[in-house]
Amino acid sequence: MSMWNRSKKEEDQPQRPSIASTPAEPVREAIPMTTYPTRAAEYGSTRGGAVLGRSILINGRVTGKEDLLVDGRVEGDIDLPENRLTVGASGHVQGGIRAREIVVHGTVHGNLEASERVEIKKNARVMGDLKAQRPVIEDEAYFKGNVETIRVDKPKPAPPPTPENAPAASPAARQAAAAAGAQTESRQEPRS
């Protein structure tokens, strides 16, 4: 039949595409991610932070509001007060570091100050003072400097209101307090 003389029955049937002979694609097997080491696997989570690669050299101050992994060289201070800084095994920092957490696998020539913790890992080299709430220096790490542990004091609770600082009570509240005081006095037994 020609296309002009098709019956309604033929139009309702789905048309099958012609199958051309194509060579079958080879089946690819999934390669597990553990085969390819990642920086997160080597140094822990950086929560999607920035990475300075091995060939990167930064001359100047580095500041930011995200986690940072330094595998290259930084000549200057690094300031990440709310985040984590990781100095990788091939990383080298020549300057002071201030961050929430600092983890050193490489070399640092400068002072380290962390609001939470500093970890100096095995085979790391640090020359400078360390100031942190929780300092950790692993065996076989080289550290030359002073260590200061920061003590975090718990906030003191507000003192209870004293009669001098108490707000003026209403007359009804004063009468109720006086009545309660009178009842307390009447219950006391006389001493002999």
Protein backbone atom coordinates (compact mmCIF):
# COMPACT_ATOMS: atom_id res chain seq x y z
CA MET A 1 0.00 0.00 0.00
CA SER A 2 1.10 3.45 -0.61
CA MET A 3 1.21 6.10 2.03
CA TRP A 4 -1.86 7.81 0.59
CA ASN A 5 -3.99 4.69 0.74
CA ARG A 6 -3.21 3.53 4.28
CA SER A 7 -6.00 2.18 6.35
CA LYS A 8 -6.80 3.46 9.80
CA LYS A 9 -5.58 0.15 11.30
CA GLU A 10 -2.11 0.59 9.81
CA GLU A 11 -1.82 4.18 11.07
CA ASP A 12 -2.57 3.17 14.69
CA GLN A 13 0.18 0.57 14.76
CA PRO A 14 3.54 1.94 15.91
CA GLN A 15 6.18 2.00 13.29
CA ARG A 16 9.26 -0.01 14.07
CA PRO A 17 12.53 1.65 13.32
CA SER A 18 14.73 -0.21 10.98
CA ILE A 19 17.64 -1.82 12.73
CA ALA A 20 20.85 -1.11 10.98
CA SER A 21 23.67 -3.45 11.57
CA THR A 22 26.02 -1.64 13.94
CA PRO A 23 28.89 -3.23 15.76
CA ALA A 24 28.06 -3.91 19.38
CA GLU A 25 29.71 -1.57 21.87
CA PRO A 26 32.09 -3.30 24.22
CA VAL A 27 30.72 -3.59 27.74
CA ARG A 28 32.60 -1.28 30.09
CA GLU A 29 33.02 -2.32 33.65
CA ALA A 30 32.85 0.26 36.38
CA ILE A 31 36.19 1.01 37.99
CA PRO A 32 35.89 1.46 41.75
CA MET A 33 36.79 4.92 43.02
CA THR A 34 39.31 3.44 45.44
CA THR A 35 41.53 2.73 42.43
CA TYR A 36 42.10 6.44 41.96
CA PRO A 37 43.40 8.11 45.14
CA THR A 38 41.91 11.49 45.85
CA ARG A 39 43.14 14.34 47.98
CA ALA A 40 40.20 13.83 50.33
CA ALA A 41 41.24 10.21 50.79
CA GLU A 42 44.83 11.24 51.52
CA TYR A 43 44.17 14.13 53.88
CA GLY A 44 40.58 13.72 55.08
CA SER A 45 37.60 15.75 54.10
CA THR A 46 38.11 19.30 52.90
CA ARG A 47 34.33 19.75 52.49
CA GLY A 48 34.58 20.98 48.93
CA GLY A 49 37.28 23.52 49.73
CA ALA A 50 39.98 24.98 47.54
CA VAL A 51 43.17 23.19 46.53
CA LEU A 52 46.55 24.77 45.73
CA GLY A 53 48.36 22.24 43.57
CA ARG A 54 52.03 21.26 43.69
CA SER A 55 53.10 23.68 40.98
CA ILE A 56 51.36 26.71 42.55
CA LEU A 57 53.43 29.41 44.27
CA ILE A 58 51.62 32.18 46.11
CA ASN A 59 53.54 35.19 47.31
CA GLY A 60 51.36 37.20 49.69
CA ARG A 61 48.58 36.87 52.23
CA VAL A 62 45.85 34.24 51.76
CA THR A 63 42.42 34.76 53.36
CA GLY A 64 39.13 33.04 52.84
CA LYS A 65 35.95 31.47 54.15
CA GLU A 66 36.36 27.90 52.91
CA ASP A 67 38.60 24.93 53.66
CA LEU A 68 41.99 24.97 51.94
CA LEU A 69 44.47 22.25 50.98
CA VAL A 70 47.98 23.53 50.21
CA ASP A 71 50.11 21.11 48.18
CA GLY A 72 52.17 23.92 46.65
CA ARG A 73 54.13 26.76 48.23
CA VAL A 74 52.75 29.79 50.07
CA GLU A 75 55.08 32.61 51.12
CA GLY A 76 52.91 34.74 53.37
CA ASP A 77 50.32 34.48 56.11
CA ILE A 78 47.21 32.32 55.79
CA ASP A 79 44.05 33.46 57.60
CA LEU A 80 41.02 31.11 57.61
CA PRO A 81 39.48 31.79 61.05
CA GLU A 82 36.33 29.71 60.50
CA ASN A 83 37.76 26.89 58.40
CA ARG A 84 40.28 24.08 58.12
CA LEU A 85 43.73 24.38 56.56
CA THR A 86 45.58 21.25 55.48
CA VAL A 87 49.21 21.48 54.41
CA GLY A 88 49.79 18.45 52.17
CA ALA A 89 52.91 16.28 52.13
CA SER A 90 54.42 18.36 49.32
CA GLY A 91 53.07 21.62 50.76
CA HIS A 92 55.34 24.34 52.15
CA VAL A 93 54.14 27.42 54.04
CA GLN A 94 56.54 30.24 54.94
CA GLY A 95 54.41 32.43 57.23
CA GLY A 96 51.92 32.43 60.06
CA ILE A 97 48.73 30.39 59.94
CA ARG A 98 45.46 31.18 61.72
CA ALA A 99 42.50 28.82 61.24
CA ARG A 100 39.82 26.88 63.11
CA GLU A 101 41.68 23.60 62.42
CA ILE A 102 45.21 23.10 61.08
CA VAL A 103 46.57 19.77 59.85
CA VAL A 104 50.21 19.64 58.71
CA HIS A 105 51.62 16.80 56.59
CA GLY A 106 54.32 18.97 54.95
CA THR A 107 56.50 21.88 56.08
CA VAL A 108 55.58 25.09 57.92
CA HIS A 109 58.00 27.88 58.92
CA GLY A 110 55.82 30.15 61.05
CA ASN A 111 53.45 30.28 63.98
CA LEU A 112 50.28 28.18 64.04
CA GLU A 113 47.17 29.42 65.84
CA ALA A 114 43.94 27.41 65.83
CA SER A 115 40.72 28.02 67.72
CA GLU A 116 40.11 24.26 67.94
CA ARG A 117 42.99 21.95 67.07
CA VAL A 118 46.36 21.61 65.41
CA GLU A 119 47.62 18.24 64.18
CA ILE A 120 51.24 17.79 63.15
CA LYS A 121 51.34 14.47 61.34
CA LYS A 122 54.11 11.90 60.95
CA ASN A 123 57.01 13.18 58.76
CA ALA A 124 55.77 16.82 58.99
CA ARG A 125 58.21 19.64 59.80
CA VAL A 126 57.09 22.68 61.80
CA MET A 127 59.34 25.50 62.99
CA GLY A 128 57.31 28.02 64.98
CA ASP A 129 55.06 28.41 67.99
CA LEU A 130 51.83 26.48 68.28
CA LYS A 131 48.70 27.79 70.01
CA ALA A 132 45.55 25.65 70.06
CA GLN A 133 42.80 24.25 72.22
CA ARG A 134 43.82 20.67 71.29
CA PRO A 135 47.40 20.34 69.98
CA VAL A 136 48.47 16.92 68.60
CA ILE A 137 52.04 16.11 67.56
CA GLU A 138 52.47 12.59 66.19
CA ASP A 139 55.57 10.41 66.58
CA GLU A 140 58.30 11.01 63.98
CA ALA A 141 57.10 14.59 63.36
CA TYR A 142 59.66 17.38 63.67
CA PHE A 143 58.52 20.32 65.76
CA LYS A 144 60.65 23.21 67.03
CA GLY A 145 58.87 25.89 69.01
CA ASN A 146 56.64 26.54 71.99
CA VAL A 147 53.22 24.98 72.62
CA GLU A 148 50.43 26.93 74.30
CA THR A 149 47.17 25.19 75.09
CA ILE A 150 44.14 27.48 75.01
CA ARG A 151 41.60 26.87 77.75
CA VAL A 152 38.03 27.55 76.82
CA ASP A 153 36.03 28.61 79.86
CA LYS A 154 32.39 27.73 79.92
CA PRO A 155 30.15 30.79 79.99
CA LYS A 156 29.19 31.67 83.53
CA PRO A 157 25.44 31.59 84.27
CA ALA A 158 23.80 34.89 85.10
CA PRO A 159 23.72 35.52 88.87
CA PRO A 160 20.30 35.22 90.53
CA PRO A 161 18.64 38.56 91.16
CA THR A 162 19.42 40.03 94.56
CA PRO A 163 16.86 41.99 96.59
CA GLU A 164 18.67 45.20 95.63
CA ASN A 165 18.45 44.43 91.92
CA ALA A 166 14.99 42.80 92.01
CA PRO A 167 12.29 44.75 90.24
CA ALA A 168 9.80 46.53 92.42
CA ALA A 169 7.04 44.09 93.34
CA SER A 170 3.41 45.00 93.03
CA PRO A 171 1.47 45.66 96.28
CA ALA A 172 -0.40 42.35 95.88
CA ALA A 173 2.91 40.43 95.52
CA ARG A 174 4.30 42.18 98.62
CA GLN A 175 1.20 41.24 100.64
CA ALA A 176 1.48 37.59 99.49
CA ALA A 177 5.17 37.50 100.44
CA ALA A 178 4.42 39.07 103.83
CA ALA A 179 1.64 36.52 104.46
CA ALA A 180 3.98 33.65 103.51
CA GLY A 181 6.62 35.06 105.88
CA ALA A 182 4.06 35.34 108.70
CA GLN A 183 2.99 31.73 108.19
CA THR A 184 6.62 30.57 108.29
CA GLU A 185 7.21 32.48 111.54
CA SER A 186 4.09 31.05 113.21
CA ARG A 187 5.18 27.47 112.45
CA GLN A 188 8.45 27.80 114.28
CA GLU A 189 8.48 26.26 117.71
CA PRO A 190 9.76 28.32 120.62
CA ARG A 191 13.16 27.22 121.85
CA SER A 192 13.54 26.26 125.48
